[in-house]
């Protein structure tokens, strides 16, 4: 018998704890017509890692699909890493939960290379209103589930300035990530400015 939704989320939290340690804070957000999304904060030195728990309760469904399969389909949670002590980044909990609820609310499939926009600063005075979804596996390994369920992937999200988001729409995610790399951009800096886009 396949694990229930609650059991899947327990496995997700256990994977996060075994990789990142004990969370030092958590918040719960519920949106009308959706399941609850929790956001856990893990501190590691001067870096806070915010992880969602709840997005993977159900598989993401292509909005063009005629029928949603309750078992098959990609599952994911979001991971955001930022430096602490420079901005009120704990206010990102609700925007991050909003992004994690988007597959349920808007019927989108969140995958590497996608842009997710909340329309407002991710935290007070943040120069970012959107994030780029990066490739999983670097920080938290995929969590295998019993077939036919697909593994839960822990997708890092990288804050983008409006200029970077606009540039990415034209040139693609790989080009923006290459530019960040070339300029040595500190993607964990909550106050960083946009990477040079004109050279």
N, C-alpha and C. Protein backbone atom coordinates (compact mmCIF):
# COMPACT_ATOMS: atom_id res chain seq x y z
N UNK A 1 0.84 -1.19 0.00
CA UNK A 1 0.00 0.00 0.00
C UNK A 1 0.88 1.24 0.00
N UNK A 2 0.53 2.23 -0.83
CA UNK A 2 1.33 3.44 -0.93
C UNK A 2 1.13 4.31 0.31
N UNK A 3 2.21 5.04 0.74
CA UNK A 3 2.07 5.92 1.89
C UNK A 3 1.05 7.03 1.63
N UNK A 4 0.39 7.46 2.69
CA UNK A 4 -0.55 8.56 2.55
C UNK A 4 0.22 9.87 2.36
N UNK A 5 -0.52 10.92 1.98
CA UNK A 5 0.09 12.22 1.76
C UNK A 5 0.90 12.67 2.98
N UNK A 6 0.31 12.51 4.18
CA UNK A 6 0.99 12.94 5.41
C UNK A 6 2.30 12.19 5.59
N UNK A 7 2.31 10.90 5.21
CA UNK A 7 3.52 10.09 5.35
C UNK A 7 4.61 10.59 4.40
N UNK A 8 4.21 10.99 3.19
CA UNK A 8 5.18 11.53 2.23
C UNK A 8 5.84 12.78 2.83
N UNK A 9 5.04 13.64 3.45
CA UNK A 9 5.60 14.87 4.02
C UNK A 9 6.50 14.58 5.22
N UNK A 10 6.18 13.53 5.97
CA UNK A 10 7.06 13.13 7.07
C UNK A 10 8.42 12.67 6.53
N UNK A 11 8.38 11.92 5.42
CA UNK A 11 9.63 11.48 4.79
C UNK A 11 10.43 12.68 4.27
N UNK A 12 9.73 13.66 3.71
CA UNK A 12 10.39 14.88 3.21
C UNK A 12 11.08 15.61 4.35
N UNK A 13 10.37 15.80 5.46
CA UNK A 13 10.97 16.51 6.59
C UNK A 13 12.15 15.72 7.16
N UNK A 14 12.02 14.40 7.22
CA UNK A 14 13.12 13.56 7.72
C UNK A 14 14.36 13.72 6.84
N UNK A 15 14.17 13.77 5.51
CA UNK A 15 15.30 13.95 4.60
C UNK A 15 15.96 15.31 4.84
N UNK A 16 15.14 16.36 5.01
CA UNK A 16 15.69 17.70 5.27
C UNK A 16 16.49 17.71 6.57
N UNK A 17 15.93 17.11 7.62
CA UNK A 17 16.62 17.09 8.92
C UNK A 17 17.92 16.31 8.86
N UNK A 18 17.92 15.18 8.15
CA UNK A 18 19.13 14.37 8.08
C UNK A 18 20.23 15.07 7.29
N UNK A 19 19.84 15.97 6.38
CA UNK A 19 20.82 16.68 5.55
C UNK A 19 21.23 18.01 6.16
N UNK A 20 20.24 18.77 6.68
CA UNK A 20 20.50 20.15 7.12
C UNK A 20 20.53 20.32 8.62
N UNK A 21 20.17 19.27 9.39
CA UNK A 21 20.12 19.40 10.83
C UNK A 21 18.72 19.74 11.33
N UNK A 22 18.62 20.17 12.58
CA UNK A 22 17.33 20.50 13.15
C UNK A 22 16.91 21.90 12.74
N UNK A 23 15.65 22.10 12.32
CA UNK A 23 15.20 23.46 12.00
C UNK A 23 15.10 24.29 13.28
N UNK A 24 15.43 25.58 13.19
CA UNK A 24 15.34 26.43 14.38
C UNK A 24 14.08 27.29 14.34
N UNK A 25 13.33 27.21 13.25
CA UNK A 25 12.06 27.95 13.16
C UNK A 25 11.22 27.31 12.07
N UNK A 26 9.89 27.48 12.19
CA UNK A 26 8.99 26.98 11.15
C UNK A 26 7.74 27.84 11.14
N UNK A 27 7.14 27.94 9.98
CA UNK A 27 5.89 28.68 9.84
C UNK A 27 4.96 27.88 8.96
N UNK A 28 3.67 28.07 9.16
CA UNK A 28 2.66 27.33 8.41
C UNK A 28 1.74 28.32 7.72
N UNK A 29 1.50 28.10 6.43
CA UNK A 29 0.63 28.99 5.66
C UNK A 29 -0.41 28.14 4.93
N UNK A 30 -1.67 28.55 5.03
CA UNK A 30 -2.75 27.85 4.33
C UNK A 30 -3.45 28.83 3.40
N UNK A 31 -3.62 28.43 2.15
CA UNK A 31 -4.32 29.25 1.17
C UNK A 31 -5.67 28.61 0.87
N UNK A 32 -6.63 29.42 0.54
CA UNK A 32 -7.98 28.94 0.27
C UNK A 32 -7.94 27.85 -0.81
N UNK A 33 -8.52 26.69 -0.49
CA UNK A 33 -8.61 25.62 -1.47
C UNK A 33 -7.34 24.82 -1.66
N UNK A 34 -6.33 25.02 -0.78
CA UNK A 34 -5.08 24.26 -0.92
C UNK A 34 -4.72 23.61 0.41
N UNK A 35 -3.81 22.64 0.31
CA UNK A 35 -3.28 22.03 1.53
C UNK A 35 -2.29 23.00 2.18
N UNK A 36 -2.03 22.77 3.45
CA UNK A 36 -1.11 23.63 4.21
C UNK A 36 0.32 23.48 3.68
N UNK A 37 1.03 24.59 3.61
CA UNK A 37 2.44 24.58 3.25
C UNK A 37 3.22 25.05 4.48
N UNK A 38 4.23 24.28 4.87
CA UNK A 38 5.09 24.71 5.96
C UNK A 38 6.43 25.14 5.38
N UNK A 39 7.07 26.10 6.05
CA UNK A 39 8.41 26.53 5.66
C UNK A 39 9.30 26.39 6.89
N UNK A 40 10.38 25.62 6.75
CA UNK A 40 11.32 25.39 7.84
C UNK A 40 12.58 26.20 7.60
N UNK A 41 13.17 26.73 8.69
CA UNK A 41 14.43 27.46 8.56
C UNK A 41 15.54 26.66 9.24
N UNK A 42 16.63 26.48 8.52
CA UNK A 42 17.81 25.81 9.05
C UNK A 42 18.97 26.80 9.02
N UNK A 43 19.64 26.99 10.14
CA UNK A 43 20.79 27.89 10.18
C UNK A 43 22.08 27.09 10.06
N UNK A 44 22.96 27.57 9.20
CA UNK A 44 24.27 26.93 9.02
C UNK A 44 25.30 28.05 8.92
N UNK A 45 25.94 28.35 10.06
CA UNK A 45 26.87 29.48 10.09
C UNK A 45 26.11 30.77 9.85
N UNK A 46 26.54 31.53 8.84
CA UNK A 46 25.86 32.80 8.54
C UNK A 46 24.84 32.65 7.41
N UNK A 47 24.46 31.41 7.09
CA UNK A 47 23.49 31.17 6.01
C UNK A 47 22.22 30.55 6.58
N UNK A 48 21.09 31.11 6.17
CA UNK A 48 19.78 30.52 6.51
C UNK A 48 19.27 29.79 5.28
N UNK A 49 18.82 28.57 5.50
CA UNK A 49 18.21 27.80 4.41
C UNK A 49 16.73 27.63 4.73
N UNK A 50 15.88 28.10 3.84
CA UNK A 50 14.43 27.99 4.01
C UNK A 50 13.94 26.88 3.08
N UNK A 51 13.24 25.91 3.66
CA UNK A 51 12.77 24.76 2.88
C UNK A 51 11.26 24.61 3.04
N UNK A 52 10.57 24.37 1.94
CA UNK A 52 9.12 24.14 2.01
C UNK A 52 8.84 22.67 2.29
N UNK A 53 7.73 22.42 2.96
CA UNK A 53 7.23 21.06 3.18
C UNK A 53 5.72 21.10 2.93
N UNK A 54 5.28 20.42 1.90
CA UNK A 54 3.86 20.42 1.56
C UNK A 54 3.60 20.45 0.07
N UNK A 55 4.52 21.04 -0.67
CA UNK A 55 4.38 21.13 -2.12
C UNK A 55 4.37 19.73 -2.76
N UNK A 56 5.10 18.80 -2.14
CA UNK A 56 5.25 17.47 -2.73
C UNK A 56 4.14 16.51 -2.32
N UNK A 57 3.15 17.00 -1.57
CA UNK A 57 2.08 16.11 -1.11
C UNK A 57 1.33 15.47 -2.28
N UNK A 58 1.22 16.21 -3.37
CA UNK A 58 0.57 15.69 -4.58
C UNK A 58 1.47 15.94 -5.78
N UNK A 59 1.39 15.10 -6.80
CA UNK A 59 2.20 15.34 -8.00
C UNK A 59 1.71 16.57 -8.75
N UNK A 60 2.65 17.24 -9.41
CA UNK A 60 2.29 18.39 -10.24
C UNK A 60 1.72 17.88 -11.56
N UNK A 61 0.69 18.55 -12.04
CA UNK A 61 0.00 18.10 -13.24
C UNK A 61 0.08 19.14 -14.33
N UNK A 62 0.41 18.71 -15.53
CA UNK A 62 0.41 19.59 -16.69
C UNK A 62 -1.00 20.16 -16.87
N UNK A 63 -1.13 21.51 -16.91
CA UNK A 63 -2.47 22.09 -17.06
C UNK A 63 -3.18 21.65 -18.34
N UNK A 64 -2.42 21.15 -19.32
CA UNK A 64 -3.05 20.70 -20.58
C UNK A 64 -3.58 19.28 -20.47
N UNK A 65 -3.23 18.57 -19.38
CA UNK A 65 -3.67 17.19 -19.23
C UNK A 65 -5.17 17.13 -18.98
N UNK A 66 -5.83 16.15 -19.60
CA UNK A 66 -7.28 16.03 -19.47
C UNK A 66 -7.67 15.59 -18.07
N UNK A 67 -6.82 14.75 -17.46
CA UNK A 67 -7.15 14.18 -16.15
C UNK A 67 -5.91 14.17 -15.28
N UNK A 68 -6.03 14.62 -14.03
CA UNK A 68 -4.89 14.61 -13.11
C UNK A 68 -4.71 13.22 -12.52
N UNK A 69 -3.50 12.70 -12.60
CA UNK A 69 -3.19 11.40 -12.00
C UNK A 69 -2.81 11.63 -10.54
N UNK A 70 -3.50 11.01 -9.58
CA UNK A 70 -3.22 11.27 -8.17
C UNK A 70 -1.88 10.70 -7.68
N UNK A 71 -1.25 9.82 -8.48
CA UNK A 71 0.00 9.21 -8.06
C UNK A 71 1.20 9.60 -8.92
N UNK A 72 1.00 9.62 -10.25
CA UNK A 72 2.12 9.88 -11.15
C UNK A 72 2.29 11.36 -11.43
N UNK A 73 3.54 11.76 -11.64
CA UNK A 73 3.84 13.15 -11.94
C UNK A 73 4.96 13.66 -11.05
N UNK A 74 5.64 14.71 -11.48
CA UNK A 74 6.78 15.23 -10.71
C UNK A 74 6.35 15.81 -9.36
N UNK A 75 7.21 15.62 -8.37
CA UNK A 75 6.99 16.18 -7.03
C UNK A 75 8.23 16.98 -6.64
N UNK A 76 8.02 18.06 -5.91
CA UNK A 76 9.17 18.90 -5.55
C UNK A 76 8.89 19.69 -4.28
N UNK A 77 9.96 20.15 -3.66
CA UNK A 77 9.94 21.16 -2.60
C UNK A 77 10.98 22.21 -2.98
N UNK A 78 10.85 23.41 -2.40
CA UNK A 78 11.73 24.52 -2.73
C UNK A 78 12.73 24.79 -1.62
N UNK A 79 13.95 25.20 -2.00
CA UNK A 79 15.02 25.53 -1.06
C UNK A 79 15.60 26.89 -1.40
N UNK A 80 15.64 27.78 -0.43
CA UNK A 80 16.24 29.11 -0.63
C UNK A 80 17.34 29.30 0.40
N UNK A 81 18.52 29.71 -0.05
CA UNK A 81 19.65 29.96 0.85
C UNK A 81 20.05 31.43 0.77
N UNK A 82 20.07 32.11 1.93
CA UNK A 82 20.48 33.52 1.97
C UNK A 82 21.33 33.77 3.20
N UNK A 83 22.17 34.81 3.11
CA UNK A 83 23.01 35.19 4.23
C UNK A 83 22.16 35.92 5.27
N UNK A 84 22.38 35.62 6.54
CA UNK A 84 21.58 36.23 7.61
C UNK A 84 22.26 37.50 8.14
N UNK A 85 21.46 38.31 8.83
CA UNK A 85 22.01 39.48 9.51
C UNK A 85 22.11 40.74 8.68
N UNK A 86 21.75 40.66 7.38
CA UNK A 86 21.85 41.85 6.53
C UNK A 86 20.48 42.40 6.15
N UNK A 87 19.46 41.55 6.21
CA UNK A 87 18.09 41.96 5.84
C UNK A 87 17.11 41.09 6.60
N UNK A 88 15.85 41.52 6.62
CA UNK A 88 14.82 40.77 7.34
C UNK A 88 14.31 39.62 6.46
N UNK A 89 15.21 38.66 6.21
CA UNK A 89 14.88 37.60 5.26
C UNK A 89 13.83 36.62 5.79
N UNK A 90 13.57 36.62 7.10
CA UNK A 90 12.54 35.71 7.62
C UNK A 90 11.16 36.05 7.07
N UNK A 91 11.00 37.26 6.54
CA UNK A 91 9.72 37.63 5.94
C UNK A 91 9.49 36.93 4.61
N UNK A 92 10.48 36.13 4.16
CA UNK A 92 10.34 35.39 2.90
C UNK A 92 9.44 34.17 3.08
N UNK A 93 9.09 33.84 4.32
CA UNK A 93 8.34 32.61 4.58
C UNK A 93 7.04 32.56 3.80
N UNK A 94 6.26 33.65 3.85
CA UNK A 94 4.98 33.64 3.13
C UNK A 94 5.18 33.63 1.61
N UNK A 95 6.01 34.52 1.03
CA UNK A 95 6.23 34.44 -0.42
C UNK A 95 6.71 33.07 -0.88
N UNK A 96 7.56 32.44 -0.08
CA UNK A 96 8.05 31.11 -0.47
C UNK A 96 6.90 30.09 -0.44
N UNK A 97 6.04 30.21 0.56
CA UNK A 97 4.87 29.32 0.62
C UNK A 97 3.93 29.57 -0.55
N UNK A 98 3.79 30.83 -0.97
CA UNK A 98 2.97 31.17 -2.14
C UNK A 98 3.52 30.46 -3.38
N UNK A 99 4.83 30.50 -3.55
CA UNK A 99 5.45 29.84 -4.71
C UNK A 99 5.25 28.32 -4.64
N UNK A 100 5.37 27.76 -3.43
CA UNK A 100 5.20 26.32 -3.26
C UNK A 100 3.75 25.90 -3.51
N UNK A 101 2.81 26.81 -3.30
CA UNK A 101 1.39 26.49 -3.52
C UNK A 101 0.99 26.66 -4.98
N UNK A 102 1.85 27.26 -5.81
CA UNK A 102 1.46 27.57 -7.19
C UNK A 102 1.06 26.35 -8.02
N UNK A 103 1.65 25.15 -7.82
CA UNK A 103 1.14 24.00 -8.59
C UNK A 103 -0.32 23.68 -8.26
N UNK A 104 -0.71 23.83 -6.98
CA UNK A 104 -2.10 23.58 -6.59
C UNK A 104 -3.02 24.70 -7.05
N UNK A 105 -2.55 25.95 -6.89
CA UNK A 105 -3.41 27.11 -7.15
C UNK A 105 -3.53 27.40 -8.65
N UNK A 106 -2.38 27.36 -9.35
CA UNK A 106 -2.36 27.78 -10.75
C UNK A 106 -2.19 26.62 -11.73
N UNK A 107 -1.97 25.40 -11.21
CA UNK A 107 -1.80 24.26 -12.10
C UNK A 107 -0.52 24.29 -12.89
N UNK A 108 0.55 24.89 -12.32
CA UNK A 108 1.83 24.93 -13.03
C UNK A 108 2.72 23.78 -12.59
N UNK A 109 3.62 23.36 -13.47
CA UNK A 109 4.63 22.37 -13.14
C UNK A 109 5.95 23.11 -12.94
N UNK A 110 6.46 23.08 -11.72
CA UNK A 110 7.69 23.80 -11.40
C UNK A 110 8.88 22.89 -11.71
N UNK A 111 9.78 23.37 -12.56
CA UNK A 111 10.92 22.56 -12.99
C UNK A 111 12.14 23.46 -13.13
N UNK A 112 13.35 22.88 -13.14
CA UNK A 112 14.55 23.68 -13.32
C UNK A 112 14.47 24.54 -14.58
N UNK A 113 14.93 25.78 -14.45
CA UNK A 113 14.89 26.72 -15.57
C UNK A 113 13.68 27.63 -15.55
N UNK A 114 12.69 27.30 -14.72
CA UNK A 114 11.47 28.12 -14.66
C UNK A 114 11.71 29.37 -13.82
N UNK A 115 10.91 30.39 -14.09
CA UNK A 115 10.88 31.60 -13.27
C UNK A 115 9.59 31.59 -12.47
N UNK A 116 9.68 31.96 -11.20
CA UNK A 116 8.49 32.09 -10.36
C UNK A 116 8.48 33.50 -9.81
N UNK A 117 7.36 34.19 -9.96
CA UNK A 117 7.27 35.60 -9.57
C UNK A 117 6.17 35.79 -8.55
N UNK A 118 6.50 36.49 -7.44
CA UNK A 118 5.46 36.77 -6.44
C UNK A 118 4.88 38.17 -6.61
N UNK A 119 5.51 39.00 -7.45
CA UNK A 119 4.96 40.33 -7.73
C UNK A 119 5.31 41.38 -6.71
N UNK A 120 5.84 40.98 -5.56
CA UNK A 120 6.26 41.90 -4.51
C UNK A 120 7.66 41.49 -4.05
N UNK A 121 8.36 42.39 -3.32
CA UNK A 121 9.68 42.00 -2.80
C UNK A 121 9.60 40.72 -1.96
N UNK A 122 10.61 39.87 -2.10
CA UNK A 122 10.62 38.60 -1.37
C UNK A 122 10.68 38.82 0.14
N UNK A 123 11.29 39.92 0.56
CA UNK A 123 11.28 40.35 1.96
C UNK A 123 11.40 41.88 1.93
N UNK A 124 11.15 42.58 3.04
CA UNK A 124 11.17 44.05 3.02
C UNK A 124 12.48 44.59 2.44
N UNK A 125 12.37 45.53 1.52
CA UNK A 125 13.48 46.21 0.83
C UNK A 125 14.28 45.27 -0.08
N UNK A 126 13.82 44.04 -0.28
CA UNK A 126 14.55 43.12 -1.18
C UNK A 126 14.51 43.65 -2.61
N UNK A 127 15.64 43.55 -3.34
CA UNK A 127 15.65 43.96 -4.75
C UNK A 127 15.13 42.85 -5.68
N UNK A 128 14.49 41.83 -5.11
CA UNK A 128 14.02 40.67 -5.89
C UNK A 128 12.52 40.48 -5.71
N UNK A 129 11.83 40.19 -6.81
CA UNK A 129 10.41 39.81 -6.72
C UNK A 129 10.18 38.43 -7.32
N UNK A 130 11.23 37.82 -7.87
CA UNK A 130 11.08 36.51 -8.49
C UNK A 130 12.31 35.66 -8.23
N UNK A 131 12.20 34.37 -8.56
CA UNK A 131 13.32 33.45 -8.38
C UNK A 131 13.49 32.61 -9.64
N UNK A 132 14.70 32.13 -9.82
CA UNK A 132 15.00 31.16 -10.87
C UNK A 132 15.11 29.79 -10.22
N UNK A 133 14.42 28.81 -10.78
CA UNK A 133 14.48 27.44 -10.24
C UNK A 133 15.71 26.76 -10.83
N UNK A 134 16.60 26.30 -9.93
CA UNK A 134 17.86 25.69 -10.37
C UNK A 134 17.76 24.16 -10.33
N UNK A 135 18.83 23.51 -10.76
CA UNK A 135 18.86 22.05 -10.79
C UNK A 135 18.95 21.49 -9.37
N UNK A 136 18.25 20.38 -9.09
CA UNK A 136 18.28 19.79 -7.75
C UNK A 136 19.50 18.91 -7.56
N UNK A 137 19.66 18.40 -6.32
CA UNK A 137 20.67 17.38 -6.05
C UNK A 137 21.95 17.89 -5.43
N UNK A 138 22.22 19.18 -5.54
CA UNK A 138 23.48 19.70 -5.02
C UNK A 138 23.50 19.77 -3.50
N UNK A 139 22.38 20.10 -2.90
CA UNK A 139 22.32 20.28 -1.45
C UNK A 139 21.58 19.14 -0.76
N UNK A 140 20.38 18.84 -1.25
CA UNK A 140 19.57 17.77 -0.68
C UNK A 140 19.26 16.77 -1.79
N UNK A 141 19.59 15.52 -1.56
CA UNK A 141 19.36 14.49 -2.58
C UNK A 141 17.87 14.22 -2.78
N UNK A 142 17.53 13.78 -4.00
CA UNK A 142 16.15 13.39 -4.28
C UNK A 142 15.69 12.34 -3.28
N UNK A 143 14.40 12.38 -2.95
CA UNK A 143 13.81 11.41 -2.05
C UNK A 143 12.99 10.42 -2.86
N UNK A 144 13.47 9.17 -2.95
CA UNK A 144 12.75 8.15 -3.72
C UNK A 144 11.48 7.73 -2.99
N UNK A 145 10.38 7.60 -3.74
CA UNK A 145 9.12 7.11 -3.20
C UNK A 145 8.77 5.79 -3.87
N UNK A 146 7.86 5.09 -3.28
CA UNK A 146 7.45 3.79 -3.83
C UNK A 146 6.75 3.99 -5.18
N UNK A 147 7.13 3.18 -6.18
CA UNK A 147 6.50 3.26 -7.50
C UNK A 147 4.99 3.07 -7.36
N UNK A 148 4.21 3.75 -8.20
CA UNK A 148 4.59 4.52 -9.39
C UNK A 148 4.90 5.99 -9.11
N UNK A 149 5.04 6.36 -7.83
CA UNK A 149 5.31 7.76 -7.52
C UNK A 149 6.73 8.14 -7.91
N UNK A 150 6.87 9.34 -8.47
CA UNK A 150 8.20 9.86 -8.81
C UNK A 150 8.88 10.38 -7.55
N UNK A 151 10.22 10.48 -7.57
CA UNK A 151 10.95 10.99 -6.41
C UNK A 151 10.58 12.46 -6.14
N UNK A 152 10.75 12.85 -4.88
CA UNK A 152 10.62 14.27 -4.52
C UNK A 152 11.97 14.92 -4.79
N UNK A 153 11.95 16.01 -5.57
CA UNK A 153 13.18 16.74 -5.88
C UNK A 153 13.19 18.03 -5.06
N UNK A 154 14.34 18.35 -4.50
CA UNK A 154 14.49 19.56 -3.69
C UNK A 154 15.14 20.62 -4.58
N UNK A 155 14.33 21.55 -5.05
CA UNK A 155 14.76 22.51 -6.07
C UNK A 155 15.26 23.80 -5.44
N UNK A 156 16.55 24.14 -5.64
CA UNK A 156 17.03 25.43 -5.15
C UNK A 156 16.37 26.57 -5.94
N UNK A 157 16.02 27.65 -5.25
CA UNK A 157 15.49 28.82 -5.94
C UNK A 157 16.44 29.99 -5.71
N UNK A 158 16.79 30.70 -6.78
CA UNK A 158 17.79 31.76 -6.76
C UNK A 158 17.11 33.10 -7.03
N UNK A 159 17.15 34.03 -6.07
CA UNK A 159 16.47 35.33 -6.26
C UNK A 159 17.00 36.07 -7.49
N UNK A 160 16.08 36.66 -8.26
CA UNK A 160 16.44 37.45 -9.45
C UNK A 160 15.92 38.88 -9.29
N UNK A 161 16.72 39.85 -9.73
CA UNK A 161 16.23 41.22 -9.82
C UNK A 161 15.29 41.30 -11.03
N UNK A 162 14.43 42.32 -11.10
CA UNK A 162 13.55 42.46 -12.27
C UNK A 162 14.32 42.50 -13.60
N UNK A 163 15.49 43.18 -13.60
CA UNK A 163 16.30 43.24 -14.83
C UNK A 163 16.81 41.86 -15.23
N UNK A 164 17.25 41.09 -14.23
CA UNK A 164 17.73 39.73 -14.52
C UNK A 164 16.60 38.85 -15.02
N UNK A 165 15.42 39.00 -14.42
CA UNK A 165 14.26 38.19 -14.84
C UNK A 165 13.90 38.51 -16.29
N UNK A 166 13.92 39.80 -16.64
CA UNK A 166 13.60 40.21 -18.02
C UNK A 166 14.66 39.68 -18.99
N UNK A 167 15.93 39.76 -18.60
CA UNK A 167 17.02 39.28 -19.45
C UNK A 167 16.92 37.76 -19.63
N UNK A 168 16.56 37.07 -18.55
CA UNK A 168 16.44 35.60 -18.62
C UNK A 168 15.32 35.19 -19.57
N UNK A 169 14.22 35.97 -19.60
CA UNK A 169 13.10 35.63 -20.51
C UNK A 169 13.57 35.64 -21.97
N UNK A 170 14.52 36.50 -22.28
CA UNK A 170 15.02 36.62 -23.66
C UNK A 170 16.12 35.59 -23.93
N UNK A 171 17.06 35.45 -22.99
CA UNK A 171 18.27 34.67 -23.26
C UNK A 171 18.26 33.27 -22.65
N UNK A 172 17.36 33.01 -21.71
CA UNK A 172 17.27 31.68 -21.11
C UNK A 172 18.00 31.56 -19.77
N UNK A 173 17.62 30.53 -19.02
CA UNK A 173 18.14 30.33 -17.67
C UNK A 173 19.64 30.02 -17.68
N UNK A 174 20.08 29.17 -18.61
CA UNK A 174 21.49 28.77 -18.64
C UNK A 174 22.39 29.98 -18.88
N UNK A 175 21.96 30.90 -19.74
CA UNK A 175 22.76 32.09 -20.03
C UNK A 175 22.87 32.99 -18.80
N UNK A 176 21.78 33.11 -18.04
CA UNK A 176 21.82 33.94 -16.83
C UNK A 176 22.72 33.29 -15.78
N UNK A 177 22.61 31.98 -15.62
CA UNK A 177 23.46 31.30 -14.63
C UNK A 177 24.93 31.40 -15.01
N UNK A 178 25.22 31.32 -16.30
CA UNK A 178 26.61 31.46 -16.77
C UNK A 178 27.13 32.87 -16.46
N UNK A 179 26.27 33.87 -16.62
CA UNK A 179 26.65 35.25 -16.36
C UNK A 179 26.91 35.46 -14.86
N UNK A 180 26.06 34.90 -14.03
CA UNK A 180 26.29 34.97 -12.58
C UNK A 180 27.65 34.37 -12.23
N UNK A 181 27.93 33.21 -12.82
CA UNK A 181 29.19 32.52 -12.55
C UNK A 181 30.38 33.34 -13.01
N UNK A 182 30.27 33.89 -14.22
CA UNK A 182 31.38 34.66 -14.80
C UNK A 182 31.71 35.89 -13.97
N UNK A 183 30.69 36.51 -13.39
CA UNK A 183 30.90 37.73 -12.59
C UNK A 183 31.08 37.45 -11.10
N UNK A 184 31.12 36.17 -10.73
CA UNK A 184 31.31 35.82 -9.32
C UNK A 184 30.20 36.33 -8.42
N UNK A 185 28.97 36.31 -8.91
CA UNK A 185 27.82 36.84 -8.17
C UNK A 185 27.55 36.01 -6.92
N UNK A 186 27.43 36.69 -5.78
CA UNK A 186 27.09 36.01 -4.53
C UNK A 186 25.57 35.92 -4.45
N UNK A 187 25.03 34.77 -4.85
CA UNK A 187 23.57 34.60 -4.93
C UNK A 187 22.91 34.50 -3.56
N UNK A 188 23.72 34.41 -2.50
CA UNK A 188 23.16 34.36 -1.15
C UNK A 188 23.08 35.75 -0.51
N UNK A 189 23.61 36.76 -1.20
CA UNK A 189 23.60 38.12 -0.66
C UNK A 189 22.19 38.71 -0.82
N UNK A 190 21.48 38.97 0.30
CA UNK A 190 20.10 39.45 0.19
C UNK A 190 19.97 40.88 -0.30
N UNK A 191 21.12 41.57 -0.46
CA UNK A 191 21.06 42.97 -0.93
C UNK A 191 21.86 43.18 -2.21
N UNK A 192 22.21 42.09 -2.87
CA UNK A 192 23.07 42.24 -4.05
C UNK A 192 22.35 43.01 -5.16
N UNK A 193 23.15 43.62 -6.00
CA UNK A 193 22.57 44.32 -7.15
C UNK A 193 22.56 43.37 -8.35
N UNK A 194 21.93 43.82 -9.41
CA UNK A 194 21.81 43.00 -10.62
C UNK A 194 23.20 42.75 -11.23
N UNK A 195 23.38 41.57 -11.78
CA UNK A 195 24.63 41.26 -12.47
C UNK A 195 24.69 42.13 -13.74
N UNK A 196 25.91 42.56 -14.17
CA UNK A 196 26.00 43.34 -15.42
C UNK A 196 25.41 42.54 -16.59
N UNK A 197 24.52 43.18 -17.33
CA UNK A 197 23.80 42.47 -18.39
C UNK A 197 24.10 43.02 -19.79
N UNK A 198 24.95 44.05 -19.87
CA UNK A 198 25.14 44.69 -21.17
C UNK A 198 26.42 44.32 -21.87
N UNK A 199 27.32 43.55 -21.19
CA UNK A 199 28.63 43.27 -21.84
C UNK A 199 28.57 41.99 -22.65
